[in-house]
PDB file of N, CA and C in Angstrom:
ATOM      1  N   MET A   1     -86.422 117.233 -76.330  1.00  0.00           N
ATOM      2  CA  MET A   1     -85.084 117.236 -75.788  1.00  0.00           C
ATOM      3  C   MET A   1     -84.902 115.987 -74.932  1.00  0.00           C
ATOM      4  N   GLU A   2     -84.097 115.067 -75.367  1.00  0.00           N
ATOM      5  CA  GLU A   2     -83.860 113.817 -74.646  1.00  0.00           C
ATOM      6  C   GLU A   2     -82.588 113.938 -73.815  1.00  0.00           C
ATOM      7  N   LEU A   3     -82.729 113.820 -72.514  1.00  0.00           N
ATOM      8  CA  LEU A   3     -81.593 113.894 -71.601  1.00  0.00           C
ATOM      9  C   LEU A   3     -81.529 112.671 -70.712  1.00  0.00           C
ATOM     10  N   GLU A   4     -82.136 111.579 -71.120  1.00  0.00           N
ATOM     11  CA  GLU A   4     -82.272 110.397 -70.263  1.00  0.00           C
ATOM     12  C   GLU A   4     -80.961 110.054 -69.565  1.00  0.00           C
ATOM     13  N   ILE A   5     -81.091 109.695 -68.297  1.00  0.00           N
ATOM     14  CA  ILE A   5     -79.931 109.327 -67.498  1.00  0.00           C
ATOM     15  C   ILE A   5     -79.907 107.818 -67.297  1.00  0.00           C
ATOM     16  N   GLU A   6     -78.725 107.270 -67.052  1.00  0.00           N
ATOM     17  CA  GLU A   6     -78.569 105.835 -66.839  1.00  0.00           C
ATOM     18  C   GLU A   6     -78.974 105.431 -65.424  1.00  0.00           C
ATOM     19  N   LYS A   7     -78.535 106.214 -64.412  1.00  0.00           N
ATOM     20  CA  LYS A   7     -78.833 105.933 -63.007  1.00  0.00           C
ATOM     21  C   LYS A   7     -79.354 107.216 -62.378  1.00  0.00           C
ATOM     22  N   ILE A   8     -80.171 107.078 -61.348  1.00  0.00           N
ATOM     23  CA  ILE A   8     -80.740 108.254 -60.691  1.00  0.00           C
ATOM     24  C   ILE A   8     -79.640 109.138 -60.111  1.00  0.00           C
ATOM     25  N   GLU A   9     -78.532 108.554 -59.681  1.00  0.00           N
ATOM     26  CA  GLU A   9     -77.434 109.345 -59.128  1.00  0.00           C
ATOM     27  C   GLU A   9     -76.770 110.228 -60.174  1.00  0.00           C
ATOM     28  N   ASP A  10     -77.035 109.960 -61.462  1.00  0.00           N
ATOM     29  CA  ASP A  10     -76.463 110.760 -62.542  1.00  0.00           C
ATOM     30  C   ASP A  10     -77.202 112.077 -62.756  1.00  0.00           C
ATOM     31  N   LEU A  11     -78.269 112.308 -61.980  1.00  0.00           N
ATOM     32  CA  LEU A  11     -78.944 113.603 -62.080  1.00  0.00           C
ATOM     33  C   LEU A  11     -77.915 114.695 -61.834  1.00  0.00           C
ATOM     34  N   PRO A  12     -77.981 115.783 -62.587  1.00  0.00           N
ATOM     35  CA  PRO A  12     -77.027 116.872 -62.351  1.00  0.00           C
ATOM     36  C   PRO A  12     -77.063 117.334 -60.890  1.00  0.00           C
ATOM     37  N   LYS A  13     -75.942 117.798 -60.406  1.00  0.00           N
ATOM     38  CA  LYS A  13     -75.822 118.246 -59.014  1.00  0.00           C
ATOM     39  C   LYS A  13     -76.436 119.635 -58.869  1.00  0.00           C
ATOM     40  N   ARG A  14     -77.754 119.686 -58.956  1.00  0.00           N
ATOM     41  CA  ARG A  14     -78.501 120.931 -58.797  1.00  0.00           C
ATOM     42  C   ARG A  14     -79.425 120.780 -57.600  1.00  0.00           C
ATOM     43  N   LEU A  15     -79.864 121.892 -57.047  1.00  0.00           N
ATOM     44  CA  LEU A  15     -80.732 121.838 -55.877  1.00  0.00           C
ATOM     45  C   LEU A  15     -82.140 121.374 -56.206  1.00  0.00           C
ATOM     46  N   GLN A  16     -82.673 121.788 -57.355  1.00  0.00           N
ATOM     47  CA  GLN A  16     -84.056 121.453 -57.675  1.00  0.00           C
ATOM     48  C   GLN A  16     -84.261 121.353 -59.178  1.00  0.00           C
ATOM     49  N   PHE A  17     -85.362 120.674 -59.531  1.00  0.00           N
ATOM     50  CA  PHE A  17     -85.716 120.455 -60.928  1.00  0.00           C
ATOM     51  C   PHE A  17     -87.192 120.742 -61.119  1.00  0.00           C
ATOM     52  N   SER A  18     -87.540 121.254 -62.281  1.00  0.00           N
ATOM     53  CA  SER A  18     -88.957 121.415 -62.612  1.00  0.00           C
ATOM     54  C   SER A  18     -89.504 120.047 -62.996  1.00  0.00           C
ATOM     55  N   LEU A  19     -90.812 119.918 -63.025  1.00  0.00           N
ATOM     56  CA  LEU A  19     -91.416 118.646 -63.433  1.00  0.00           C
ATOM     57  C   LEU A  19     -91.034 118.314 -64.869  1.00  0.00           C
ATOM     58  N   LYS A  20     -90.942 119.332 -65.701  1.00  0.00           N
ATOM     59  CA  LYS A  20     -90.543 119.125 -67.102  1.00  0.00           C
ATOM     60  C   LYS A  20     -89.125 118.558 -67.187  1.00  0.00           C
ATOM     61  N   GLU A  21     -88.221 119.094 -66.376  1.00  0.00           N
ATOM     62  CA  GLU A  21     -86.837 118.604 -66.381  1.00  0.00           C
ATOM     63  C   GLU A  21     -86.767 117.155 -65.909  1.00  0.00           C
ATOM     64  N   LEU A  22     -87.509 116.818 -64.862  1.00  0.00           N
ATOM     65  CA  LEU A  22     -87.502 115.424 -64.386  1.00  0.00           C
ATOM     66  C   LEU A  22     -88.028 114.489 -65.466  1.00  0.00           C
ATOM     67  N   GLU A  23     -89.011 114.938 -66.221  1.00  0.00           N
ATOM     68  CA  GLU A  23     -89.529 114.122 -67.321  1.00  0.00           C
ATOM     69  C   GLU A  23     -88.464 113.961 -68.408  1.00  0.00           C
ATOM     70  N   GLU A  24     -87.762 115.049 -68.725  1.00  0.00           N
ATOM     71  CA  GLU A  24     -86.719 114.989 -69.753  1.00  0.00           C
ATOM     72  C   GLU A  24     -85.576 114.058 -69.349  1.00  0.00           C
ATOM     73  N   TYR A  25     -85.274 113.989 -68.054  1.00  0.00           N
ATOM     74  CA  TYR A  25     -84.226 113.087 -67.564  1.00  0.00           C
ATOM     75  C   TYR A  25     -84.720 111.654 -67.427  1.00  0.00           C
ATOM     76  N   GLY A  26     -86.012 111.432 -67.640  1.00  0.00           N
ATOM     77  CA  GLY A  26     -86.559 110.082 -67.586  1.00  0.00           C
ATOM     78  C   GLY A  26     -86.813 109.583 -66.176  1.00  0.00           C
ATOM     79  N   VAL A  27     -86.908 110.505 -65.219  1.00  0.00           N
ATOM     80  CA  VAL A  27     -87.139 110.124 -63.830  1.00  0.00           C
ATOM     81  C   VAL A  27     -88.613 109.801 -63.611  1.00  0.00           C
ATOM     82  N   ILE A  28     -89.511 110.685 -64.064  1.00  0.00           N
ATOM     83  CA  ILE A  28     -90.945 110.531 -63.874  1.00  0.00           C
ATOM     84  C   ILE A  28     -91.662 111.426 -64.882  1.00  0.00           C
ATOM     85  N   SER A  29     -92.770 110.958 -65.417  1.00  0.00           N
ATOM     86  CA  SER A  29     -93.526 111.797 -66.354  1.00  0.00           C
ATOM     87  C   SER A  29     -94.244 112.888 -65.572  1.00  0.00           C
ATOM     88  N   ARG A  30     -94.554 113.980 -66.244  1.00  0.00           N
ATOM     89  CA  ARG A  30     -95.238 115.084 -65.573  1.00  0.00           C
ATOM     90  C   ARG A  30     -96.588 114.655 -65.029  1.00  0.00           C
ATOM     91  N   SER A  31     -97.331 113.867 -65.803  1.00  0.00           N
ATOM     92  CA  SER A  31     -98.663 113.449 -65.338  1.00  0.00           C
ATOM     93  C   SER A  31     -98.560 112.559 -64.105  1.00  0.00           C
ATOM     94  N   THR A  32     -97.601 111.644 -64.079  1.00  0.00           N
ATOM     95  CA  THR A  32     -97.400 110.796 -62.909  1.00  0.00           C
ATOM     96  C   THR A  32     -96.916 111.630 -61.723  1.00  0.00           C
ATOM     97  N   ALA A  33     -96.026 112.586 -61.975  1.00  0.00           N
ATOM     98  CA  ALA A  33     -95.536 113.456 -60.903  1.00  0.00           C
ATOM     99  C   ALA A  33     -96.692 114.216 -60.269  1.00  0.00           C
ATOM    100  N   LYS A  34     -97.581 114.756 -61.089  1.00  0.00           N
ATOM    101  CA  LYS A  34     -98.728 115.502 -60.556  1.00  0.00           C
ATOM    102  C   LYS A  34     -99.630 114.592 -59.728  1.00  0.00           C
ATOM    103  N   LEU A  35     -99.816 113.356 -60.177  1.00  0.00           N
ATOM    104  CA  LEU A  35    -100.612 112.394 -59.416  1.00  0.00           C
ATOM    105  C   LEU A  35     -99.951 112.099 -58.071  1.00  0.00           C
ATOM    106  N   ARG A  36     -98.646 111.838 -58.083  1.00  0.00           N
ATOM    107  CA  ARG A  36     -97.923 111.526 -56.847  1.00  0.00           C
ATOM    108  C   ARG A  36     -97.912 112.721 -55.888  1.00  0.00           C
ATOM    109  N   ILE A  37     -97.878 113.930 -56.424  1.00  0.00           N
ATOM    110  CA  ILE A  37     -97.946 115.133 -55.591  1.00  0.00           C
ATOM    111  C   ILE A  37     -99.307 115.188 -54.898  1.00  0.00           C
ATOM    112  N   ARG A  38    -100.380 114.963 -55.655  1.00  0.00           N
ATOM    113  CA  ARG A  38    -101.734 114.968 -55.069  1.00  0.00           C
ATOM    114  C   ARG A  38    -101.882 113.877 -54.021  1.00  0.00           C
ATOM    115  N   GLN A  39    -101.238 112.742 -54.235  1.00  0.00           N
ATOM    116  CA  GLN A  39    -101.304 111.628 -53.286  1.00  0.00           C
ATOM    117  C   GLN A  39    -100.392 111.836 -52.075  1.00  0.00           C
ATOM    118  N   GLY A  40     -99.566 112.863 -52.114  1.00  0.00           N
ATOM    119  CA  GLY A  40     -98.636 113.131 -51.026  1.00  0.00           C
ATOM    120  C   GLY A  40     -97.394 112.259 -51.058  1.00  0.00           C
ATOM    121  N   LYS A  41     -97.132 111.608 -52.183  1.00  0.00           N
ATOM    122  CA  LYS A  41     -95.978 110.714 -52.295  1.00  0.00           C
ATOM    123  C   LYS A  41     -94.735 111.393 -52.853  1.00  0.00           C
ATOM    124  N   LEU A  42     -94.907 112.591 -53.387  1.00  0.00           N
ATOM    125  CA  LEU A  42     -93.786 113.349 -53.935  1.00  0.00           C
ATOM    126  C   LEU A  42     -93.885 114.766 -53.383  1.00  0.00           C
ATOM    127  N   LYS A  43     -92.861 115.176 -52.653  1.00  0.00           N
ATOM    128  CA  LYS A  43     -92.860 116.501 -52.029  1.00  0.00           C
ATOM    129  C   LYS A  43     -92.306 117.525 -53.006  1.00  0.00           C
ATOM    130  N   ILE A  44     -92.910 118.704 -52.982  1.00  0.00           N
ATOM    131  CA  ILE A  44     -92.520 119.757 -53.920  1.00  0.00           C
ATOM    132  C   ILE A  44     -92.171 121.038 -53.172  1.00  0.00           C
ATOM    133  N   ARG A  45     -91.585 121.953 -53.923  1.00  0.00           N
ATOM    134  CA  ARG A  45     -91.362 123.331 -53.478  1.00  0.00           C
ATOM    135  C   ARG A  45     -92.031 124.224 -54.499  1.00  0.00           C
ATOM    136  N   LYS A  46     -92.770 125.194 -54.024  1.00  0.00           N
ATOM    137  CA  LYS A  46     -93.416 126.154 -54.926  1.00  0.00           C
ATOM    138  C   LYS A  46     -92.671 127.478 -54.838  1.00  0.00           C
ATOM    139  N   GLU A  47     -92.449 128.086 -55.980  1.00  0.00           N
ATOM    140  CA  GLU A  47     -91.906 129.434 -56.076  1.00  0.00           C
ATOM    141  C   GLU A  47     -92.830 130.183 -57.016  1.00  0.00           C
ATOM    142  N   GLY A  48     -93.755 130.927 -56.426  1.00  0.00           N
ATOM    143  CA  GLY A  48     -94.790 131.578 -57.232  1.00  0.00           C
ATOM    144  C   GLY A  48     -95.664 130.497 -57.841  1.00  0.00           C
ATOM    145  N   ILE A  49     -95.780 130.489 -59.165  1.00  0.00           N
ATOM    146  CA  ILE A  49     -96.593 129.462 -59.830  1.00  0.00           C
ATOM    147  C   ILE A  49     -95.765 128.261 -60.273  1.00  0.00           C
ATOM    148  N   LYS A  50     -94.462 128.343 -60.104  1.00  0.00           N
ATOM    149  CA  LYS A  50     -93.571 127.255 -60.523  1.00  0.00           C
ATOM    150  C   LYS A  50     -93.496 126.161 -59.466  1.00  0.00           C
ATOM    151  N   THR A  51     -93.410 124.925 -59.931  1.00  0.00           N
ATOM    152  CA  THR A  51     -93.320 123.760 -59.052  1.00  0.00           C
ATOM    153  C   THR A  51     -91.970 123.091 -59.256  1.00  0.00           C
ATOM    154  N   TYR A  52     -91.288 122.834 -58.156  1.00  0.00           N
ATOM    155  CA  TYR A  52     -89.972 122.209 -58.211  1.00  0.00           C
ATOM    156  C   TYR A  52     -89.901 121.007 -57.279  1.00  0.00           C
ATOM    157  N   VAL A  53     -89.024 120.073 -57.622  1.00  0.00           N
ATOM    158  CA  VAL A  53     -88.721 118.923 -56.779  1.00  0.00           C
ATOM    159  C   VAL A  53     -87.221 118.991 -56.515  1.00  0.00           C
ATOM    160  N   THR A  54     -86.839 118.864 -55.248  1.00  0.00           N
ATOM    161  CA  THR A  54     -85.411 118.902 -54.940  1.00  0.00           C
ATOM    162  C   THR A  54     -84.746 117.623 -55.451  1.00  0.00           C
ATOM    163  N   ARG A  55     -83.453 117.704 -55.676  1.00  0.00           N
ATOM    164  CA  ARG A  55     -82.687 116.532 -56.128  1.00  0.00           C
ATOM    165  C   ARG A  55     -82.808 115.410 -55.104  1.00  0.00           C
ATOM    166  N   GLU A  56     -82.697 115.773 -53.835  1.00  0.00           N
ATOM    167  CA  GLU A  56     -82.807 114.794 -52.753  1.00  0.00           C
ATOM    168  C   GLU A  56     -84.170 114.089 -52.781  1.00  0.00           C
ATOM    169  N   GLU A  57     -85.238 114.850 -52.993  1.00  0.00           N
ATOM    170  CA  GLU A  57     -86.580 114.265 -53.029  1.00  0.00           C
ATOM    171  C   GLU A  57     -86.762 113.385 -54.266  1.00  0.00           C
ATOM    172  N   ALA A  58     -86.210 113.792 -55.403  1.00  0.00           N
ATOM    173  CA  ALA A  58     -86.308 112.973 -56.622  1.00  0.00           C
ATOM    174  C   ALA A  58     -85.628 111.623 -56.410  1.00  0.00           C
ATOM    175  N   ILE A  59     -84.461 111.633 -55.774  1.00  0.00           N
ATOM    176  CA  ILE A  59     -83.746 110.389 -55.505  1.00  0.00           C
ATOM    177  C   ILE A  59     -84.513 109.540 -54.487  1.00  0.00           C
ATOM    178  N   ARG A  60     -85.020 110.170 -53.421  1.00  0.00           N
ATOM    179  CA  ARG A  60     -85.802 109.452 -52.409  1.00  0.00           C
ATOM    180  C   ARG A  60     -87.023 108.799 -53.036  1.00  0.00           C
ATOM    181  N   TYR A  61     -87.755 109.553 -53.864  1.00  0.00           N
ATOM    182  CA  TYR A  61     -88.946 109.025 -54.517  1.00  0.00           C
ATOM    183  C   TYR A  61     -88.581 107.849 -55.426  1.00  0.00           C
ATOM    184  N   PHE A  62     -87.535 108.009 -56.205  1.00  0.00           N
ATOM    185  CA  PHE A  62     -87.102 106.964 -57.128  1.00  0.00           C
ATOM    186  C   PHE A  62     -86.844 105.665 -56.374  1.00  0.00           C
ATOM    187  N   TYR A  63     -86.058 105.729 -55.289  1.00  0.00           N
ATOM    188  CA  TYR A  63     -85.743 104.509 -54.535  1.00  0.00           C
ATOM    189  C   TYR A  63     -86.943 103.943 -53.796  1.00  0.00           C
ATOM    190  N   SER A  64     -87.843 104.799 -53.325  1.00  0.00           N
ATOM    191  CA  SER A  64     -89.018 104.278 -52.621  1.00  0.00           C
ATOM    192  C   SER A  64     -89.980 103.619 -53.588  1.00  0.00           C
ATOM    193  N   THR A  65     -89.947 104.007 -54.840  1.00  0.00           N
ATOM    194  CA  THR A  65     -90.850 103.470 -55.846  1.00  0.00           C
ATOM    195  C   THR A  65     -90.291 102.226 -56.528  1.00  0.00           C
ATOM    196  N   PHE A  66     -89.007 102.213 -56.794  1.00  0.00           N
ATOM    197  CA  PHE A  66     -88.415 101.150 -57.615  1.00  0.00           C
ATOM    198  C   PHE A  66     -87.556 100.176 -56.833  1.00  0.00           C
ATOM    199  N   GLN A  67     -87.768 100.045 -55.538  1.00  0.00           N
ATOM    200  CA  GLN A  67     -87.022  99.077 -54.734  1.00  0.00           C
ATOM    201  C   GLN A  67     -87.768  97.781 -54.656  1.00  0.00           C
TER     202      GLN A  67
END
């Protein structure tokens, strides 16, 4: 499922995204996201066994990485 976005601000106006969704939008691959989480560079929210990244954090990470 290809949902690539043109700009990070084009992410849907949702509170949070799964790692799979961020990969589908072309923001970050799941493997890189997991690495950045372990490094403390990407903040997550856990709900049971599910891992989510808030829209705000995805945008913050994107700009801190690609500036």
